[in-house]
PDB file of N, CA and C in Angstrom:
ATOM      1  N   MET A   1      -8.725   5.587  14.292  1.00  0.00           N
ATOM      2  CA  MET A   1      -9.646   6.446  13.950  1.00  0.00           C
ATOM      3  C   MET A   1      -9.945   6.362  12.676  1.00  0.00           C
ATOM      4  N   VAL A   2     -11.037   6.468  11.904  1.00  0.00           N
ATOM      5  CA  VAL A   2     -11.676   6.360  10.750  1.00  0.00           C
ATOM      6  C   VAL A   2     -11.820   7.791  10.147  1.00  0.00           C
ATOM      7  N   LEU A   3     -10.763   7.901   9.011  1.00  0.00           N
ATOM      8  CA  LEU A   3     -11.624   9.060   8.266  1.00  0.00           C
ATOM      9  C   LEU A   3     -12.354   8.854   7.004  1.00  0.00           C
ATOM     10  N   SER A   4     -13.627   9.227   6.767  1.00  0.00           N
ATOM     11  CA  SER A   4     -14.400   9.349   5.788  1.00  0.00           C
ATOM     12  C   SER A   4     -13.972   9.810   4.392  1.00  0.00           C
ATOM     13  N   HIS A   5     -13.273  11.500   4.873  1.00  0.00           N
ATOM     14  CA  HIS A   5     -12.785  11.869   3.978  1.00  0.00           C
ATOM     15  C   HIS A   5     -11.837  13.152   4.880  1.00  0.00           C
ATOM     16  N   PHE A   6     -11.320  13.509   3.938  1.00  0.00           N
ATOM     17  CA  PHE A   6      -9.702  14.894   4.608  1.00  0.00           C
ATOM     18  C   PHE A   6     -10.404  16.451   4.609  1.00  0.00           C
ATOM     19  N   HIS A   7     -11.734  16.596   4.766  1.00  0.00           N
ATOM     20  CA  HIS A   7     -12.197  17.860   4.831  1.00  0.00           C
ATOM     21  C   HIS A   7     -11.893  18.238   6.389  1.00  0.00           C
ATOM     22  N   ALA A   8     -11.468  19.498   6.614  1.00  0.00           N
ATOM     23  CA  ALA A   8     -10.159  20.026   7.839  1.00  0.00           C
ATOM     24  C   ALA A   8     -10.874  19.649   9.220  1.00  0.00           C
ATOM     25  N   ASP A   9     -12.475  19.596   9.187  1.00  0.00           N
ATOM     26  CA  ASP A   9     -13.557  18.852  10.183  1.00  0.00           C
ATOM     27  C   ASP A   9     -13.160  17.576  10.546  1.00  0.00           C
ATOM     28  N   HIS A  10     -12.503  16.532   9.659  1.00  0.00           N
ATOM     29  CA  HIS A  10     -12.635  15.449   9.968  1.00  0.00           C
ATOM     30  C   HIS A  10     -11.229  14.623  10.646  1.00  0.00           C
ATOM     31  N   PRO A  11      -9.785  15.199   9.942  1.00  0.00           N
ATOM     32  CA  PRO A  11      -8.666  14.944  10.700  1.00  0.00           C
ATOM     33  C   PRO A  11      -8.471  16.123  11.793  1.00  0.00           C
ATOM     34  N   ALA A  12      -9.140  17.119  12.268  1.00  0.00           N
ATOM     35  CA  ALA A  12      -8.635  18.096  12.987  1.00  0.00           C
ATOM     36  C   ALA A  12      -8.099  17.715  14.897  1.00  0.00           C
ATOM     37  N   GLY A  13      -8.597  16.692  14.659  1.00  0.00           N
ATOM     38  CA  GLY A  13      -8.521  16.001  16.100  1.00  0.00           C
ATOM     39  C   GLY A  13      -7.126  15.286  16.159  1.00  0.00           C
ATOM     40  N   LEU A  14      -6.772  14.723  15.048  1.00  0.00           N
ATOM     41  CA  LEU A  14      -5.928  13.272  15.258  1.00  0.00           C
ATOM     42  C   LEU A  14      -4.798  13.908  15.947  1.00  0.00           C
ATOM     43  N   ARG A  15      -4.195  14.792  16.112  1.00  0.00           N
ATOM     44  CA  ARG A  15      -2.889  15.251  16.980  1.00  0.00           C
ATOM     45  C   ARG A  15      -3.048  15.109  18.013  1.00  0.00           C
ATOM     46  N   ASP A  16      -4.268  15.075  18.676  1.00  0.00           N
ATOM     47  CA  ASP A  16      -4.600  14.891  20.028  1.00  0.00           C
ATOM     48  C   ASP A  16      -4.439  13.106  20.413  1.00  0.00           C
ATOM     49  N   PHE A  17      -4.505  12.254  19.603  1.00  0.00           N
ATOM     50  CA  PHE A  17      -4.678  10.904  19.697  1.00  0.00           C
ATOM     51  C   PHE A  17      -3.265  10.365  19.226  1.00  0.00           C
ATOM     52  N   PRO A  18      -2.267  11.010  20.020  1.00  0.00           N
ATOM     53  CA  PRO A  18      -0.935  10.385  19.472  1.00  0.00           C
ATOM     54  C   PRO A  18      -0.462   9.135  18.901  1.00  0.00           C
ATOM     55  N   ASN A  19      -1.310   7.723  20.163  1.00  0.00           N
ATOM     56  CA  ASN A  19      -0.844   6.559  19.748  1.00  0.00           C
ATOM     57  C   ASN A  19      -2.197   5.903  18.714  1.00  0.00           C
ATOM     58  N   ALA A  20      -3.186   6.645  18.520  1.00  0.00           N
ATOM     59  CA  ALA A  20      -3.890   5.970  17.513  1.00  0.00           C
ATOM     60  C   ALA A  20      -3.451   5.624  15.837  1.00  0.00           C
ATOM     61  N   ARG A  21      -4.483   4.304  15.736  1.00  0.00           N
ATOM     62  CA  ARG A  21      -3.621   4.243  14.374  1.00  0.00           C
ATOM     63  C   ARG A  21      -4.943   5.059  13.322  1.00  0.00           C
ATOM     64  N   ILE A  22      -4.753   5.228  12.418  1.00  0.00           N
ATOM     65  CA  ILE A  22      -5.295   5.996  11.181  1.00  0.00           C
ATOM     66  C   ILE A  22      -6.246   5.594   9.937  1.00  0.00           C
ATOM     67  N   LEU A  23      -7.159   4.943  10.104  1.00  0.00           N
ATOM     68  CA  LEU A  23      -7.673   3.924   8.804  1.00  0.00           C
ATOM     69  C   LEU A  23      -8.484   5.513   7.806  1.00  0.00           C
ATOM     70  N   TYR A  24      -8.458   4.998   6.735  1.00  0.00           N
ATOM     71  CA  TYR A  24      -9.145   5.802   5.805  1.00  0.00           C
ATOM     72  C   TYR A  24      -9.071   4.858   4.464  1.00  0.00           C
ATOM     73  N   LYS A  25      -9.809   5.856   3.635  1.00  0.00           N
ATOM     74  CA  LYS A  25     -10.028   4.903   1.778  1.00  0.00           C
ATOM     75  C   LYS A  25      -8.890   5.298   1.095  1.00  0.00           C
ATOM     76  N   ARG A  26      -8.751   4.305   0.639  1.00  0.00           N
ATOM     77  CA  ARG A  26      -7.456   5.277  -0.464  1.00  0.00           C
ATOM     78  C   ARG A  26      -7.861   5.467  -1.128  1.00  0.00           C
ATOM     79  N   ASP A  27      -8.730   5.717  -1.705  1.00  0.00           N
ATOM     80  CA  ASP A  27      -9.395   7.139  -3.183  1.00  0.00           C
ATOM     81  C   ASP A  27      -9.947   8.303  -2.188  1.00  0.00           C
ATOM     82  N   ALA A  28     -10.293   8.508  -0.971  1.00  0.00           N
ATOM     83  CA  ALA A  28      -9.997   9.829  -0.098  1.00  0.00           C
ATOM     84  C   ALA A  28      -8.732  10.556  -0.327  1.00  0.00           C
ATOM     85  N   HIS A  29      -7.989   9.631   0.133  1.00  0.00           N
ATOM     86  CA  HIS A  29      -6.424   9.969   0.075  1.00  0.00           C
ATOM     87  C   HIS A  29      -6.084  10.134  -1.334  1.00  0.00           C
ATOM     88  N   THR A  30      -6.264   9.972  -2.219  1.00  0.00           N
ATOM     89  CA  THR A  30      -6.023   9.890  -3.190  1.00  0.00           C
ATOM     90  C   THR A  30      -6.024  11.210  -4.098  1.00  0.00           C
ATOM     91  N   ALA A  31      -7.143  11.276  -3.646  1.00  0.00           N
ATOM     92  CA  ALA A  31      -7.639  12.693  -3.984  1.00  0.00           C
ATOM     93  C   ALA A  31      -7.065  14.214  -3.681  1.00  0.00           C
ATOM     94  N   ILE A  32      -6.648  14.160  -2.098  1.00  0.00           N
ATOM     95  CA  ILE A  32      -5.984  15.069  -1.613  1.00  0.00           C
ATOM     96  C   ILE A  32      -4.501  14.857  -1.800  1.00  0.00           C
ATOM     97  N   LYS A  33      -3.797  13.880  -1.806  1.00  0.00           N
ATOM     98  CA  LYS A  33      -2.561  13.529  -1.397  1.00  0.00           C
ATOM     99  C   LYS A  33      -1.356  14.277  -2.172  1.00  0.00           C
ATOM    100  N   ASP A  34      -1.284  14.730  -3.497  1.00  0.00           N
ATOM    101  CA  ASP A  34      -0.095  15.481  -4.166  1.00  0.00           C
ATOM    102  C   ASP A  34      -1.017  16.802  -4.351  1.00  0.00           C
ATOM    103  N   LEU A  35      -2.251  17.287  -3.769  1.00  0.00           N
ATOM    104  CA  LEU A  35      -2.270  18.901  -4.086  1.00  0.00           C
ATOM    105  C   LEU A  35      -1.620  19.591  -3.349  1.00  0.00           C
ATOM    106  N   GLY A  36      -1.393  20.443  -3.588  1.00  0.00           N
ATOM    107  CA  GLY A  36      -0.320  21.897  -3.043  1.00  0.00           C
ATOM    108  C   GLY A  36      -1.469  22.568  -2.310  1.00  0.00           C
ATOM    109  N   LEU A  37      -1.054  23.262  -1.103  1.00  0.00           N
ATOM    110  CA  LEU A  37      -1.546  24.041  -0.337  1.00  0.00           C
ATOM    111  C   LEU A  37      -2.562  24.765  -0.854  1.00  0.00           C
ATOM    112  N   LEU A  38      -2.403  25.988  -1.248  1.00  0.00           N
ATOM    113  CA  LEU A  38      -3.468  26.577  -1.895  1.00  0.00           C
ATOM    114  C   LEU A  38      -4.521  25.805  -2.700  1.00  0.00           C
ATOM    115  N   ALA A  39      -4.340  24.454  -3.359  1.00  0.00           N
ATOM    116  CA  ALA A  39      -5.410  23.947  -4.148  1.00  0.00           C
ATOM    117  C   ALA A  39      -5.830  22.915  -2.643  1.00  0.00           C
ATOM    118  N   SER A  40      -5.407  22.622  -1.874  1.00  0.00           N
ATOM    119  CA  SER A  40      -5.736  21.676  -0.744  1.00  0.00           C
ATOM    120  C   SER A  40      -6.737  22.368  -0.016  1.00  0.00           C
ATOM    121  N   VAL A  41      -6.758  23.832   0.551  1.00  0.00           N
ATOM    122  CA  VAL A  41      -7.483  24.701   0.867  1.00  0.00           C
ATOM    123  C   VAL A  41      -8.833  24.985  -0.235  1.00  0.00           C
ATOM    124  N   LYS A  42      -8.240  25.254  -1.215  1.00  0.00           N
ATOM    125  CA  LYS A  42      -9.921  25.117  -1.776  1.00  0.00           C
ATOM    126  C   LYS A  42     -10.673  23.728  -2.264  1.00  0.00           C
ATOM    127  N   ALA A  43      -9.838  23.204  -1.924  1.00  0.00           N
ATOM    128  CA  ALA A  43     -10.301  21.527  -1.969  1.00  0.00           C
ATOM    129  C   ALA A  43     -11.335  21.239  -0.823  1.00  0.00           C
ATOM    130  N   GLY A  44     -10.752  22.103   0.652  1.00  0.00           N
ATOM    131  CA  GLY A  44     -11.315  22.175   2.055  1.00  0.00           C
ATOM    132  C   GLY A  44     -10.351  21.123   2.817  1.00  0.00           C
ATOM    133  N   CYS A  45      -9.184  20.883   2.592  1.00  0.00           N
ATOM    134  CA  CYS A  45      -8.166  20.439   3.619  1.00  0.00           C
ATOM    135  C   CYS A  45      -7.218  21.452   3.831  1.00  0.00           C
ATOM    136  N   LEU A  46      -6.839  20.846   5.005  1.00  0.00           N
ATOM    137  CA  LEU A  46      -5.761  21.803   5.688  1.00  0.00           C
ATOM    138  C   LEU A  46      -4.450  20.591   6.051  1.00  0.00           C
ATOM    139  N   PRO A  47      -3.634  20.400   5.149  1.00  0.00           N
ATOM    140  CA  PRO A  47      -2.536  19.374   5.629  1.00  0.00           C
ATOM    141  C   PRO A  47      -1.751  19.702   6.766  1.00  0.00           C
ATOM    142  N   GLY A  48      -2.345  21.016   7.107  1.00  0.00           N
ATOM    143  CA  GLY A  48      -0.987  20.623   8.556  1.00  0.00           C
ATOM    144  C   GLY A  48      -1.793  20.345   9.629  1.00  0.00           C
ATOM    145  N   LEU A  49      -3.436  19.926   9.461  1.00  0.00           N
ATOM    146  CA  LEU A  49      -3.669  19.362  10.871  1.00  0.00           C
ATOM    147  C   LEU A  49      -3.436  17.601  10.805  1.00  0.00           C
ATOM    148  N   LEU A  50      -2.883  17.354   9.870  1.00  0.00           N
ATOM    149  CA  LEU A  50      -1.989  15.939   9.720  1.00  0.00           C
ATOM    150  C   LEU A  50      -1.227  15.780  10.639  1.00  0.00           C
ATOM    151  N   PRO A  51      -1.219  14.676  11.416  1.00  0.00           N
ATOM    152  CA  PRO A  51      -0.054  14.541  12.616  1.00  0.00           C
ATOM    153  C   PRO A  51       1.388  14.230  11.556  1.00  0.00           C
ATOM    154  N   ASP A  52       2.606  14.648  12.198  1.00  0.00           N
ATOM    155  CA  ASP A  52       3.580  14.577  11.417  1.00  0.00           C
ATOM    156  C   ASP A  52       4.110  12.972  11.049  1.00  0.00           C
ATOM    157  N   ASP A  53       3.586  12.397  11.849  1.00  0.00           N
ATOM    158  CA  ASP A  53       3.903  10.942  11.673  1.00  0.00           C
ATOM    159  C   ASP A  53       2.977  10.118  11.153  1.00  0.00           C
ATOM    160  N   PHE A  54       1.750  10.650  10.438  1.00  0.00           N
ATOM    161  CA  PHE A  54       0.379  10.401   9.587  1.00  0.00           C
ATOM    162  C   PHE A  54       1.116   9.112   8.965  1.00  0.00           C
ATOM    163  N   GLU A  55       1.863   9.231   7.929  1.00  0.00           N
ATOM    164  CA  GLU A  55       1.996   8.006   7.070  1.00  0.00           C
ATOM    165  C   GLU A  55       2.223   6.676   7.843  1.00  0.00           C
ATOM    166  N   GLU A  56       3.114   6.703   8.850  1.00  0.00           N
ATOM    167  CA  GLU A  56       3.620   5.740   9.988  1.00  0.00           C
ATOM    168  C   GLU A  56       2.376   4.966  10.792  1.00  0.00           C
ATOM    169  N   ARG A  57       1.651   6.115  11.171  1.00  0.00           N
ATOM    170  CA  ARG A  57       0.427   5.237  11.776  1.00  0.00           C
ATOM    171  C   ARG A  57      -0.594   5.293  10.633  1.00  0.00           C
ATOM    172  N   SER A  58      -0.830   5.080   9.652  1.00  0.00           N
ATOM    173  CA  SER A  58      -2.138   4.799   9.099  1.00  0.00           C
ATOM    174  C   SER A  58      -2.342   3.736   7.874  1.00  0.00           C
ATOM    175  N   ALA A  59      -3.285   3.502   7.936  1.00  0.00           N
ATOM    176  CA  ALA A  59      -3.266   2.900   6.815  1.00  0.00           C
ATOM    177  C   ALA A  59      -5.017   2.648   5.882  1.00  0.00           C
ATOM    178  N   PHE A  60      -4.982   2.216   4.443  1.00  0.00           N
ATOM    179  CA  PHE A  60      -6.018   1.881   4.093  1.00  0.00           C
ATOM    180  C   PHE A  60      -6.802   1.119   4.631  1.00  0.00           C
ATOM    181  N   ILE A  61      -8.335   1.442   4.813  1.00  0.00           N
ATOM    182  CA  ILE A  61      -9.176   0.992   5.292  1.00  0.00           C
ATOM    183  C   ILE A  61      -9.646  -0.333   4.182  1.00  0.00           C
ATOM    184  N   ASP A  62      -9.444  -0.029   2.712  1.00  0.00           N
ATOM    185  CA  ASP A  62     -10.400  -0.954   1.893  1.00  0.00           C
ATOM    186  C   ASP A  62      -9.284  -2.366   1.880  1.00  0.00           C
ATOM    187  N   GLU A  63      -7.673  -1.960   2.300  1.00  0.00           N
ATOM    188  CA  GLU A  63      -6.942  -3.350   2.704  1.00  0.00           C
ATOM    189  C   GLU A  63      -6.479  -3.845   4.116  1.00  0.00           C
ATOM    190  N   THR A  64      -7.500  -3.516   5.090  1.00  0.00           N
ATOM    191  CA  THR A  64      -7.007  -3.044   6.065  1.00  0.00           C
ATOM    192  C   THR A  64      -8.348  -4.933   6.745  1.00  0.00           C
ATOM    193  N   PRO A  65      -7.722  -6.056   6.898  1.00  0.00           N
ATOM    194  CA  PRO A  65      -8.693  -7.135   7.550  1.00  0.00           C
ATOM    195  C   PRO A  65      -9.836  -6.910   8.052  1.00  0.00           C
ATOM    196  N   MET A  66     -10.931  -7.317   7.647  1.00  0.00           N
ATOM    197  CA  MET A  66     -11.720  -7.175   8.399  1.00  0.00           C
ATOM    198  C   MET A  66     -11.526  -7.990  10.038  1.00  0.00           C
ATOM    199  N   ARG A  67     -12.318  -7.538  10.879  1.00  0.00           N
ATOM    200  CA  ARG A  67     -11.981  -8.748  12.318  1.00  0.00           C
ATOM    201  C   ARG A  67     -13.644  -8.798  12.851  1.00  0.00           C
ATOM    202  N   ARG A  68     -13.914  -9.629  13.379  1.00  0.00           N
ATOM    203  CA  ARG A  68     -15.369  -9.638  14.165  1.00  0.00           C
ATOM    204  C   ARG A  68     -15.254  -9.410  15.758  1.00  0.00           C
ATOM    205  N   LEU A  69     -16.111  -8.181  16.185  1.00  0.00           N
ATOM    206  CA  LEU A  69     -15.947  -7.899  17.573  1.00  0.00           C
ATOM    207  C   LEU A  69     -16.405  -9.308  18.334  1.00  0.00           C
ATOM    208  N   PRO A  70     -15.684  -9.070  19.370  1.00  0.00           N
ATOM    209  CA  PRO A  70     -16.401 -10.254  20.313  1.00  0.00           C
ATOM    210  C   PRO A  70     -17.660  -9.783  20.932  1.00  0.00           C
ATOM    211  N   GLY A  71     -18.803 -10.573  21.102  1.00  0.00           N
ATOM    212  CA  GLY A  71     -19.993 -10.084  21.815  1.00  0.00           C
ATOM    213  C   GLY A  71     -20.837  -9.166  20.583  1.00  0.00           C
ATOM    214  N   ILE A  72     -20.667  -8.693  19.967  1.00  0.00           N
ATOM    215  CA  ILE A  72     -20.967  -7.558  19.075  1.00  0.00           C
ATOM    216  C   ILE A  72     -22.037  -8.670  17.965  1.00  0.00           C
ATOM    217  N   PHE A  73     -21.741  -8.926  16.945  1.00  0.00           N
ATOM    218  CA  PHE A  73     -22.407  -9.210  16.005  1.00  0.00           C
ATOM    219  C   PHE A  73     -22.361 -11.197  16.215  1.00  0.00           C
ATOM    220  N   ARG A  74     -23.482 -11.517  16.469  1.00  0.00           N
ATOM    221  CA  ARG A  74     -23.175 -13.407  16.190  1.00  0.00           C
ATOM    222  C   ARG A  74     -24.467 -14.170  14.849  1.00  0.00           C
ATOM    223  N   SER A  75     -23.505 -15.273  14.543  1.00  0.00           N
ATOM    224  CA  SER A  75     -24.203 -15.520  13.659  1.00  0.00           C
ATOM    225  C   SER A  75     -25.117 -17.147  13.831  1.00  0.00           C
TER     226      SER A  75
END
């Protein structure tokens, strides 16, 4: 799953995909990771929507190696 940002409507279904890897931009996560509950809600984020194992299943997309998809892009 790829999150462009952490407003509540984006991570809302992550708990329904317990085996999915979660990718997101470092700056999107940095903007919300240290907010308290009230500040998170004011920013449109609901931390309770993130799966309990969010850290274990996630990675920064900025630091994930690019891979060519077979048969889709040809040089």
